[in-house]
Amino acid sequence: MNNDIGALLDIMQRLRDPEKGCSWDREQTFETIAPYTVEEAYEVADAIERRDLDGLRDELGDLLLQVVFHSQMASEQNAFSWSDVVSAICDKMVRRHPHVFGNEAAGDRDDMRDAWEHAKERERSDRGATSLMDEIPRGMAELQRAMKLQKRAARAGFDWPSAEPVLDKLDEETAEVREAMAGGDADRVEDEVGDLFFVVVNLARKLSVDPGSALRRANAKFEKRFRQVEILAGGRAALDEMDLGQMEDLWVRAKKNEGVSNHE
């Protein structure tokens, strides 16, 4: 099979052919394909997390297919083509790396990151953005979107000086959740829990921790230990006959089997 990008473009064009193409592919739109695009990006991240390079190869192909799919649909509407997509990203990368493709002096990593952000801000301004909050995608995963909102605000100086005050704010928000729970107002409980999440993301940001990655680690840890609890119990059905205290004992045993201290 031809491994040139042209072959993939031809395949997608045939799949979308109004007469001879695939009925499922023909009826798709940007809106219906968008969830698959997001899903494929997560599967790329999952393959990286698992250090599965064979899987990463396959998942990158799936993600590339999403780009080609959107490009084909745009081409059918005379909006833009695959070549336009490639040209746009090439122009952007050259424009944002004047220290590589131009005459500007290169700095350290922090200097490069600041220069990148300033370049993005100029581009947003050229597109008519008037607020630092403009052009933050609403479809972005909420943990990442919270991080993005906070980083934008921090560029204007609206930020805590260190992680310590964020811990104090975390205590404050936890107390407000307790108050909302006591009041029995479900809407306020949701609001306060949201504030609590937002502060946790702020804490992660101040500690240079990616909140999505941290939560993935916590999820994986929980899943692994709970599976061990099921094994120690003698099977899934046996858990139904146990009380919480018995299951907590198994949880502690599962952690000890990993050689993990009780504070984790």
Protein backbone atom coordinates (compact mmCIF):
# COMPACT_ATOMS: atom_id res chain seq x y z
CA MET A 1 0.00 0.00 0.00
CA ASN A 2 1.28 3.48 -0.91
CA ASN A 3 2.33 5.28 2.27
CA ASP A 4 2.36 8.76 0.73
CA ILE A 5 -0.05 11.32 2.18
CA GLY A 6 -1.59 11.55 -1.28
CA ALA A 7 -2.84 7.98 -0.92
CA LEU A 8 -4.71 8.85 2.28
CA LEU A 9 -6.19 11.95 0.66
CA ASP A 10 -7.40 9.82 -2.26
CA ILE A 11 -8.93 7.26 0.11
CA MET A 12 -10.86 9.95 1.96
CA GLN A 13 -12.02 11.53 -1.27
CA ARG A 14 -13.36 8.16 -2.45
CA LEU A 15 -15.06 7.50 0.88
CA ARG A 16 -16.86 10.84 0.55
CA ASP A 17 -17.79 10.36 -3.11
CA PRO A 18 -21.52 11.21 -3.41
CA GLU A 19 -22.24 8.21 -5.66
CA LYS A 20 -19.68 5.50 -4.95
CA GLY A 21 -18.49 6.39 -1.46
CA CYS A 22 -19.34 4.96 1.96
CA SER A 23 -22.81 5.96 3.17
CA TRP A 24 -21.56 6.55 6.73
CA ASP A 25 -18.60 8.70 5.68
CA ARG A 26 -20.74 10.71 3.24
CA GLU A 27 -23.26 11.75 5.88
CA GLN A 28 -20.70 13.02 8.41
CA THR A 29 -20.24 16.72 9.21
CA PHE A 30 -17.70 18.77 11.14
CA GLU A 31 -19.99 18.53 14.16
CA THR A 32 -20.43 14.76 14.04
CA ILE A 33 -16.72 14.09 13.47
CA ALA A 34 -15.47 16.49 16.16
CA PRO A 35 -16.05 14.04 19.06
CA TYR A 36 -14.01 11.39 17.24
CA THR A 37 -11.20 13.90 16.75
CA VAL A 38 -11.10 14.60 20.48
CA GLU A 39 -11.29 10.87 21.26
CA GLU A 40 -8.35 10.09 18.95
CA ALA A 41 -6.24 12.77 20.62
CA TYR A 42 -6.91 11.14 23.99
CA GLU A 43 -5.96 7.74 22.56
CA VAL A 44 -2.65 9.20 21.39
CA ALA A 45 -2.03 10.47 24.93
CA ASP A 46 -2.99 7.05 26.34
CA ALA A 47 -0.50 5.24 24.09
CA ILE A 48 2.22 7.65 25.22
CA GLU A 49 1.26 7.11 28.86
CA ARG A 50 1.54 3.34 28.36
CA ARG A 51 4.84 3.75 26.45
CA ASP A 52 3.29 1.71 23.65
CA LEU A 53 5.14 2.90 20.54
CA ASP A 54 3.38 0.45 18.22
CA GLY A 55 0.07 1.70 19.58
CA LEU A 56 1.27 5.29 19.25
CA ARG A 57 2.01 4.71 15.56
CA ASP A 58 -1.52 3.45 15.00
CA GLU A 59 -3.17 6.17 17.07
CA LEU A 60 -1.23 8.92 15.29
CA GLY A 61 -2.54 7.48 12.04
CA ASP A 62 -6.08 7.63 13.39
CA LEU A 63 -5.54 11.24 14.44
CA LEU A 64 -4.10 12.10 11.02
CA LEU A 65 -7.21 10.60 9.46
CA GLN A 66 -9.31 13.07 11.46
CA VAL A 67 -7.34 16.00 10.02
CA VAL A 68 -7.75 14.62 6.51
CA PHE A 69 -11.48 14.03 7.12
CA HIS A 70 -12.07 17.64 8.19
CA SER A 71 -9.93 18.92 5.32
CA GLN A 72 -11.92 16.91 2.79
CA MET A 73 -15.24 18.22 4.10
CA ALA A 74 -13.90 21.80 3.99
CA SER A 75 -12.65 21.26 0.43
CA GLU A 76 -16.13 20.12 -0.61
CA GLN A 77 -17.44 23.48 0.66
CA ASN A 78 -14.63 25.40 -1.10
CA ALA A 79 -13.52 26.65 2.31
CA PHE A 80 -9.95 25.30 2.42
CA SER A 81 -7.97 22.24 1.38
CA TRP A 82 -5.41 19.89 2.89
CA SER A 83 -2.67 21.99 1.25
CA ASP A 84 -4.04 25.09 2.96
CA VAL A 85 -3.89 23.31 6.33
CA VAL A 86 -0.26 22.33 5.77
CA SER A 87 0.67 25.80 4.52
CA ALA A 88 -0.97 27.45 7.52
CA ILE A 89 0.91 25.36 10.09
CA CYS A 90 4.21 25.75 8.23
CA ASP A 91 3.79 29.53 8.14
CA LYS A 92 2.83 29.56 11.82
CA MET A 93 5.84 27.51 12.95
CA VAL A 94 8.26 29.67 11.00
CA ARG A 95 6.61 32.85 12.28
CA ARG A 96 6.73 31.72 15.90
CA HIS A 97 10.39 30.65 15.75
CA PRO A 98 12.26 33.75 14.56
CA HIS A 99 15.29 32.58 16.55
CA VAL A 100 15.49 29.52 14.26
CA PHE A 101 14.19 30.81 10.91
CA GLY A 102 15.05 34.51 11.35
CA ASN A 103 17.70 36.72 12.87
CA GLU A 104 16.50 36.96 16.48
CA ALA A 105 18.82 35.72 19.19
CA ALA A 106 17.81 32.51 20.98
CA GLY A 107 17.19 32.62 24.73
CA ASP A 108 16.62 29.98 27.37
CA ARG A 109 13.51 27.81 27.59
CA ASP A 110 11.54 30.38 29.61
CA ASP A 111 12.42 33.12 27.10
CA MET A 112 11.26 30.90 24.26
CA ARG A 113 7.99 30.10 26.01
CA ASP A 114 7.33 33.80 26.66
CA ALA A 115 8.13 34.68 23.06
CA TRP A 116 5.75 31.95 21.86
CA GLU A 117 2.94 33.28 24.05
CA HIS A 118 3.55 36.86 22.94
CA ALA A 119 3.41 35.74 19.31
CA LYS A 120 0.10 33.97 19.94
CA GLU A 121 -1.25 37.08 21.66
CA ARG A 122 -0.31 39.25 18.67
CA GLU A 123 -2.05 36.81 16.34
CA ARG A 124 -5.21 36.87 18.47
CA SER A 125 -5.13 40.66 18.49
CA ASP A 126 -4.78 40.69 14.69
CA ARG A 127 -7.92 38.53 14.54
CA GLY A 128 -9.82 41.10 16.60
CA ALA A 129 -9.54 39.62 20.10
CA THR A 130 -9.92 42.27 22.81
CA SER A 131 -9.75 40.15 25.99
CA LEU A 132 -7.20 37.72 27.35
CA MET A 133 -10.15 35.34 27.73
CA ASP A 134 -10.91 35.37 24.00
CA GLU A 135 -10.33 32.26 21.85
CA ILE A 136 -10.09 29.73 24.66
CA PRO A 137 -11.99 26.76 23.16
CA ARG A 138 -15.21 25.88 24.97
CA GLY A 139 -14.91 22.30 23.77
CA MET A 140 -11.59 21.83 25.58
CA ALA A 141 -11.53 19.38 28.49
CA GLU A 142 -12.56 21.43 31.51
CA LEU A 143 -9.41 20.79 33.57
CA GLN A 144 -7.26 22.00 30.67
CA ARG A 145 -9.59 24.94 30.02
CA ALA A 146 -9.36 26.01 33.66
CA MET A 147 -5.58 25.89 33.40
CA LYS A 148 -5.68 27.97 30.21
CA LEU A 149 -7.96 30.59 31.77
CA GLN A 150 -5.66 30.88 34.77
CA LYS A 151 -2.51 31.16 32.67
CA ARG A 152 -4.07 33.94 30.60
CA ALA A 153 -5.07 35.87 33.73
CA ALA A 154 -1.60 35.33 35.22
CA ARG A 155 -0.02 37.07 32.22
CA ALA A 156 -1.81 40.24 33.34
CA GLY A 157 -0.45 39.76 36.89
CA PHE A 158 -3.71 38.38 38.29
CA ASP A 159 -2.13 35.47 40.14
CA TRP A 160 -0.99 34.21 43.52
CA PRO A 161 2.72 34.70 44.19
CA SER A 162 3.25 31.04 45.19
CA ALA A 163 1.45 27.78 45.95
CA GLU A 164 1.09 28.46 49.68
CA PRO A 165 -1.78 31.00 49.42
CA VAL A 166 -3.56 28.59 47.08
CA LEU A 167 -3.58 25.98 49.85
CA ASP A 168 -5.25 28.54 52.11
CA LYS A 169 -7.82 29.21 49.40
CA LEU A 170 -8.37 25.45 49.11
CA ASP A 171 -9.26 25.32 52.81
CA GLU A 172 -11.66 28.25 52.30
CA GLU A 173 -13.40 26.61 49.35
CA THR A 174 -13.67 23.29 51.21
CA ALA A 175 -15.42 25.09 54.07
CA GLU A 176 -17.84 26.67 51.57
CA VAL A 177 -18.66 23.24 50.16
CA ARG A 178 -19.49 22.08 53.69
CA GLU A 179 -21.75 25.10 54.18
CA ALA A 180 -23.53 24.42 50.90
CA MET A 181 -24.03 20.77 51.84
CA ALA A 182 -25.51 21.81 55.18
CA GLY A 183 -27.89 24.19 53.45
CA GLY A 184 -29.19 21.47 51.15
CA ASP A 185 -29.11 23.70 48.06
CA ALA A 186 -28.05 21.40 45.20
CA ASP A 187 -27.31 24.29 42.83
CA ARG A 188 -25.04 25.98 45.37
CA VAL A 189 -23.31 22.66 46.11
CA GLU A 190 -22.48 22.29 42.41
CA ASP A 191 -21.25 25.87 42.27
CA GLU A 192 -18.98 25.45 45.31
CA VAL A 193 -17.62 22.10 44.10
CA GLY A 194 -16.77 23.84 40.82
CA ASP A 195 -14.88 26.51 42.74
CA LEU A 196 -13.03 23.76 44.60
CA PHE A 197 -11.98 22.11 41.34
CA PHE A 198 -10.84 25.47 39.99
CA VAL A 199 -8.62 26.09 43.00
CA VAL A 200 -7.13 22.58 42.73
CA VAL A 201 -6.20 23.36 39.11
CA ASN A 202 -4.62 26.60 40.32
CA LEU A 203 -2.60 24.63 42.86
CA ALA A 204 -1.46 22.23 40.15
CA ARG A 205 -0.45 25.15 37.94
CA LYS A 206 1.59 26.80 40.69
CA LEU A 207 3.35 23.48 41.31
CA SER A 208 4.00 22.97 37.56
CA VAL A 209 1.79 19.87 37.54
CA ASP A 210 -0.50 19.10 34.61
CA PRO A 211 -3.91 18.48 36.23
CA GLY A 212 -5.07 16.11 33.50
CA SER A 213 -1.94 14.00 33.80
CA ALA A 214 -2.18 14.00 37.61
CA LEU A 215 -5.80 12.88 37.46
CA ARG A 216 -4.96 10.13 34.95
CA ARG A 217 -2.34 8.84 37.37
CA ALA A 218 -4.82 8.92 40.22
CA ASN A 219 -7.43 7.12 38.10
CA ALA A 220 -4.94 4.44 37.08
CA LYS A 221 -3.84 4.00 40.70
CA PHE A 222 -7.42 3.67 41.92
CA GLU A 223 -8.36 1.23 39.17
CA LYS A 224 -5.34 -0.99 39.85
CA ARG A 225 -5.97 -1.09 43.59
CA PHE A 226 -9.68 -1.70 43.28
CA ARG A 227 -9.05 -4.63 40.96
CA GLN A 228 -6.71 -5.99 43.63
CA VAL A 229 -9.44 -5.50 46.25
CA GLU A 230 -11.78 -7.61 44.10
CA ILE A 231 -9.14 -10.35 43.88
CA LEU A 232 -8.47 -10.28 47.63
CA ALA A 233 -12.19 -10.48 48.29
CA GLY A 234 -12.46 -13.60 46.19
CA GLY A 235 -14.27 -12.04 43.27
CA ARG A 236 -16.62 -9.22 42.37
CA ALA A 237 -19.70 -10.91 43.84
CA ALA A 238 -18.02 -11.27 47.25
CA LEU A 239 -17.87 -7.48 47.66
CA ASP A 240 -21.67 -7.35 47.84
CA GLU A 241 -21.51 -9.34 51.09
CA MET A 242 -18.95 -7.01 52.72
CA ASP A 243 -19.41 -3.82 54.67
CA LEU A 244 -17.31 -0.71 54.10
CA GLY A 245 -14.94 -1.53 56.95
CA GLN A 246 -14.09 -4.91 55.45
CA MET A 247 -13.47 -3.35 52.06
CA GLU A 248 -11.27 -0.66 53.63
CA ASP A 249 -9.17 -3.45 55.18
CA LEU A 250 -8.73 -5.01 51.74
CA TRP A 251 -7.81 -1.61 50.32
CA VAL A 252 -5.04 -1.25 52.90
CA ARG A 253 -3.80 -4.76 52.02
CA ALA A 254 -3.81 -3.86 48.33
CA LYS A 255 -1.64 -0.83 49.04
CA LYS A 256 0.74 -2.88 51.16
CA ASN A 257 1.06 -5.38 48.32
CA GLU A 258 2.32 -2.49 46.18
CA GLY A 259 4.75 -1.47 48.88
CA VAL A 260 2.89 1.84 49.24
CA SER A 261 2.67 3.85 52.46
CA ASN A 262 -0.74 4.64 53.88
CA HIS A 263 -0.53 8.34 53.04
CA GLU A 264 -1.07 7.63 49.35
